[in-house]
């Protein structure tokens, strides 16, 4: 299974990703801030389903993201093709409706980081449907403090225009991807109560993301729609 996924990833990044870059021609800034080796968290705002495709397209190393398990369990030709696509771009399945599975997903992320790989996460938890930047959830801080690795903030613009809400088709659209300087947290919060440390780390990450996007801050958590 691991060999198959590796082959799919190779195909996706040698064939599909260059074609995607050619079509979308994303405006990319700060990619030099991403460490070429070692564990790193890419923490991004979340505007569209295609965010998890756009980011791997422009990052010069493999990035693992979580995706809902439904994409990996389909049957027939379409189900198989969908599963192969998501595996090929580095997605990992998670059951978002199972609280325990969602918690286990953090362990999956730590395994990725423990192997010295890059892990992508959306601290807002789900897509922003009004373009505002919502309050970050502290899972990203749990990962950063536990793994002791840097966090690179990511700011996306224009991705909703690639696949507008309610549309099943992809469109050509101008996209911008900005990477900020790595944020280091190791040792900075020693002795602070864990809950407070996670909140402060998360808020610092969200401020860095907002600085890249200029989004209006919602000031509240974003709740996932029942049909998402």
Protein backbone atom coordinates (compact mmCIF):
# COMPACT_ATOMS: atom_id res chain seq x y z
CA UNK A 1 0.00 0.00 0.00
CA UNK A 2 2.78 2.44 0.95
CA UNK A 3 4.57 1.78 -2.34
CA UNK A 4 1.36 2.40 -4.30
CA UNK A 5 0.78 5.72 -2.53
CA UNK A 6 4.39 6.70 -3.19
CA UNK A 7 3.94 5.99 -6.91
CA UNK A 8 0.69 7.98 -7.00
CA UNK A 9 2.39 10.89 -5.27
CA UNK A 10 5.23 10.78 -7.79
CA UNK A 11 2.79 10.87 -10.69
CA UNK A 12 0.76 13.70 -9.15
CA UNK A 13 3.78 15.89 -8.53
CA UNK A 14 5.62 15.18 -11.77
CA UNK A 15 2.60 15.45 -14.09
CA UNK A 16 -0.56 16.86 -12.52
CA UNK A 17 0.92 19.60 -10.33
CA UNK A 18 2.99 21.22 -13.13
CA UNK A 19 -0.12 21.28 -15.33
CA UNK A 20 -2.13 22.87 -12.50
CA UNK A 21 0.55 25.53 -12.01
CA UNK A 22 0.56 26.24 -15.73
CA UNK A 23 -3.21 26.70 -15.79
CA UNK A 24 -3.64 28.71 -12.59
CA UNK A 25 -0.28 30.55 -12.68
CA UNK A 26 -0.39 31.24 -8.93
CA UNK A 27 1.31 34.35 -7.59
CA UNK A 28 3.66 32.89 -4.96
CA UNK A 29 5.68 34.80 -2.38
CA UNK A 30 7.97 33.70 0.45
CA UNK A 31 8.40 30.05 -0.55
CA UNK A 32 12.00 30.39 0.66
CA UNK A 33 10.62 30.48 4.22
CA UNK A 34 9.68 26.79 4.03
CA UNK A 35 12.45 24.57 5.44
CA UNK A 36 13.54 22.08 2.80
CA UNK A 37 13.97 19.31 5.33
CA UNK A 38 12.74 18.44 8.81
CA UNK A 39 9.30 18.65 10.41
CA UNK A 40 7.29 21.80 9.73
CA UNK A 41 3.66 22.84 10.04
CA UNK A 42 2.07 24.93 7.29
CA UNK A 43 -0.83 26.79 8.93
CA UNK A 44 -3.15 28.45 6.43
CA UNK A 45 -6.39 30.35 6.19
CA UNK A 46 -9.12 28.26 4.57
CA UNK A 47 -11.32 29.63 1.79
CA UNK A 48 -12.01 26.74 -0.57
CA UNK A 49 -12.01 22.99 -1.02
CA UNK A 50 -9.11 23.43 -3.47
CA UNK A 51 -6.80 25.04 -0.88
CA UNK A 52 -5.36 21.60 -0.18
CA UNK A 53 -4.52 21.25 -3.87
CA UNK A 54 -3.13 24.75 -4.41
CA UNK A 55 -0.69 24.63 -1.49
CA UNK A 56 0.98 21.31 -2.50
CA UNK A 57 1.20 22.68 -6.05
CA UNK A 58 3.59 25.44 -4.99
CA UNK A 59 5.46 23.89 -2.05
CA UNK A 60 8.80 22.30 -3.03
CA UNK A 61 8.28 19.30 -0.75
CA UNK A 62 5.51 16.86 0.11
CA UNK A 63 2.79 18.27 2.36
CA UNK A 64 0.27 16.00 4.08
CA UNK A 65 -3.26 17.29 4.73
CA UNK A 66 -6.26 15.67 6.36
CA UNK A 67 -9.37 15.06 4.26
CA UNK A 68 -12.74 13.62 5.23
CA UNK A 69 -12.77 9.84 5.02
CA UNK A 70 -15.70 9.81 2.55
CA UNK A 71 -13.24 10.65 -0.23
CA UNK A 72 -11.40 7.38 0.37
CA UNK A 73 -14.32 4.96 0.63
CA UNK A 74 -16.15 5.35 -2.68
CA UNK A 75 -16.74 2.36 -4.94
CA UNK A 76 -16.62 1.81 -8.68
CA UNK A 77 -14.47 3.75 -11.12
CA UNK A 78 -15.30 7.18 -9.68
CA UNK A 79 -14.64 6.06 -6.10
CA UNK A 80 -11.32 4.47 -7.04
CA UNK A 81 -10.24 7.50 -9.06
CA UNK A 82 -11.16 9.86 -6.22
CA UNK A 83 -9.23 7.79 -3.69
CA UNK A 84 -6.17 7.60 -5.94
CA UNK A 85 -6.28 11.37 -6.50
CA UNK A 86 -6.40 12.20 -2.80
CA UNK A 87 -3.71 9.68 -1.93
CA UNK A 88 -1.59 11.01 -4.78
CA UNK A 89 -1.55 14.57 -3.45
CA UNK A 90 -0.71 13.44 0.08
CA UNK A 91 -4.13 13.49 1.77
CA UNK A 92 -4.81 11.45 4.90
CA UNK A 93 -8.36 10.29 5.78
CA UNK A 94 -10.18 11.45 8.93
CA UNK A 95 -13.78 10.95 10.04
CA UNK A 96 -14.81 14.49 10.95
CA UNK A 97 -18.08 13.30 12.52
CA UNK A 98 -16.35 11.00 15.02
CA UNK A 99 -14.95 12.93 17.98
CA UNK A 100 -12.43 10.23 18.87
CA UNK A 101 -11.29 9.92 15.26
CA UNK A 102 -10.84 13.67 15.10
CA UNK A 103 -8.62 13.49 18.18
CA UNK A 104 -6.74 10.58 16.63
CA UNK A 105 -6.08 12.79 13.62
CA UNK A 106 -3.76 14.89 15.80
CA UNK A 107 -1.80 11.72 16.53
CA UNK A 108 -1.66 11.08 12.77
CA UNK A 109 -0.28 14.58 12.29
CA UNK A 110 2.35 14.00 14.96
CA UNK A 111 3.38 10.80 13.18
CA UNK A 112 3.88 12.80 9.97
CA UNK A 113 5.96 15.39 11.81
CA UNK A 114 7.85 12.66 13.65
CA UNK A 115 9.01 11.34 10.27
CA UNK A 116 10.46 14.77 9.52
CA UNK A 117 7.74 15.66 7.01
CA UNK A 118 5.54 18.70 6.40
CA UNK A 119 1.97 18.82 7.65
CA UNK A 120 -0.68 21.30 6.48
CA UNK A 121 -3.48 22.47 8.75
CA UNK A 122 -6.29 25.03 8.77
CA UNK A 123 -6.55 26.43 12.31
CA UNK A 124 -10.02 27.85 11.53
CA UNK A 125 -11.24 24.25 11.30
CA UNK A 126 -13.45 24.68 8.24
CA UNK A 127 -13.80 26.95 5.23
CA UNK A 128 -14.73 30.59 5.64
CA UNK A 129 -17.87 31.18 3.58
CA UNK A 130 -17.88 34.94 3.98
CA UNK A 131 -14.17 35.65 3.44
CA UNK A 132 -13.46 36.65 7.04
CA UNK A 133 -10.70 35.08 9.11
CA UNK A 134 -12.13 33.12 12.01
CA UNK A 135 -10.60 32.41 15.40
CA UNK A 136 -8.04 29.62 15.39
CA UNK A 137 -8.60 26.36 17.22
CA UNK A 138 -5.74 25.20 19.41
CA UNK A 139 -4.97 21.90 17.67
CA UNK A 140 -2.27 23.66 15.69
CA UNK A 141 -0.62 24.80 18.92
CA UNK A 142 -0.82 21.27 20.34
CA UNK A 143 1.08 20.02 17.30
CA UNK A 144 3.67 22.80 17.36
CA UNK A 145 4.41 22.50 21.08
CA UNK A 146 4.43 18.71 21.11
CA UNK A 147 6.55 18.27 17.99
CA UNK A 148 8.77 21.25 18.78
CA UNK A 149 8.81 22.24 15.12
CA UNK A 150 8.42 25.59 13.34
CA UNK A 151 5.12 26.84 11.96
CA UNK A 152 5.08 28.61 8.61
CA UNK A 153 1.97 30.82 8.25
CA UNK A 154 0.27 30.70 4.86
CA UNK A 155 -2.07 33.27 3.32
CA UNK A 156 -4.32 32.28 0.42
CA UNK A 157 -6.31 34.60 -1.82
CA UNK A 158 -8.55 33.85 -4.80
CA UNK A 159 -9.07 30.12 -4.27
CA UNK A 160 -12.89 30.43 -3.92
CA UNK A 161 -12.92 31.62 -7.54
CA UNK A 162 -11.42 28.30 -8.70
CA UNK A 163 -14.34 26.36 -7.29
CA UNK A 164 -17.17 28.64 -6.13
CA UNK A 165 -19.39 27.31 -3.35
CA UNK A 166 -22.04 25.05 -4.86
CA UNK A 167 -20.09 24.43 -8.06
CA UNK A 168 -18.61 21.07 -9.00
CA UNK A 169 -16.46 22.53 -11.77
CA UNK A 170 -13.00 24.08 -11.56
CA UNK A 171 -12.43 27.49 -13.12
CA UNK A 172 -9.37 29.46 -14.13
CA UNK A 173 -8.79 32.18 -11.56
CA UNK A 174 -6.02 34.37 -10.21
CA UNK A 175 -4.60 32.90 -7.01
CA UNK A 176 -2.06 34.26 -4.55
CA UNK A 177 -0.14 32.17 -2.02
CA UNK A 178 2.04 33.91 0.56
CA UNK A 179 4.33 32.17 3.06
CA UNK A 180 5.47 34.05 6.15
CA UNK A 181 8.64 33.63 8.15
CA UNK A 182 8.72 30.50 10.34
CA UNK A 183 7.39 30.93 13.86
CA UNK A 184 9.40 29.14 16.55
CA UNK A 185 7.74 28.24 19.84
CA UNK A 186 10.11 25.70 21.42
CA UNK A 187 11.03 26.80 24.95
CA UNK A 188 9.09 30.05 24.80
CA UNK A 189 6.18 28.91 26.96
CA UNK A 190 7.92 26.67 29.47
CA UNK A 191 6.22 26.94 32.86
CA UNK A 192 3.03 28.47 31.47
CA UNK A 193 -0.24 26.54 31.99
CA UNK A 194 -0.72 24.36 28.92
CA UNK A 195 -4.16 25.70 28.02
CA UNK A 196 -2.94 29.29 28.09
CA UNK A 197 0.20 28.40 26.13
CA UNK A 198 -1.85 26.75 23.39
CA UNK A 199 -4.15 29.75 23.17
CA UNK A 200 -1.28 32.23 22.90
CA UNK A 201 0.53 30.15 20.29
CA UNK A 202 -2.64 29.82 18.23
CA UNK A 203 -3.40 33.53 18.42
CA UNK A 204 0.15 34.37 17.31
CA UNK A 205 -0.21 32.06 14.32
CA UNK A 206 -3.55 33.62 13.37
CA UNK A 207 -2.10 37.13 13.59
CA UNK A 208 0.66 36.07 11.21
CA UNK A 209 -1.89 34.62 8.78
CA UNK A 210 -3.98 37.79 8.95
CA UNK A 211 -0.87 39.83 8.21
CA UNK A 212 -0.44 37.87 4.99
CA UNK A 213 -4.06 38.08 3.84
CA UNK A 214 -5.42 41.33 5.25
CA UNK A 215 -8.70 39.55 5.99
CA UNK A 216 -11.26 41.02 8.34
CA UNK A 217 -11.17 39.10 11.62
CA UNK A 218 -14.48 37.52 12.61
CA UNK A 219 -13.53 37.27 16.29
CA UNK A 220 -15.47 34.00 16.73
CA UNK A 221 -15.04 30.35 15.84
CA UNK A 222 -16.27 29.12 12.48
CA UNK A 223 -18.76 26.29 12.75
CA UNK A 224 -19.01 23.68 10.00
CA UNK A 225 -22.37 23.72 8.19
CA UNK A 226 -24.41 20.58 8.73
CA UNK A 227 -24.24 19.68 5.04
CA UNK A 228 -20.46 20.29 4.61
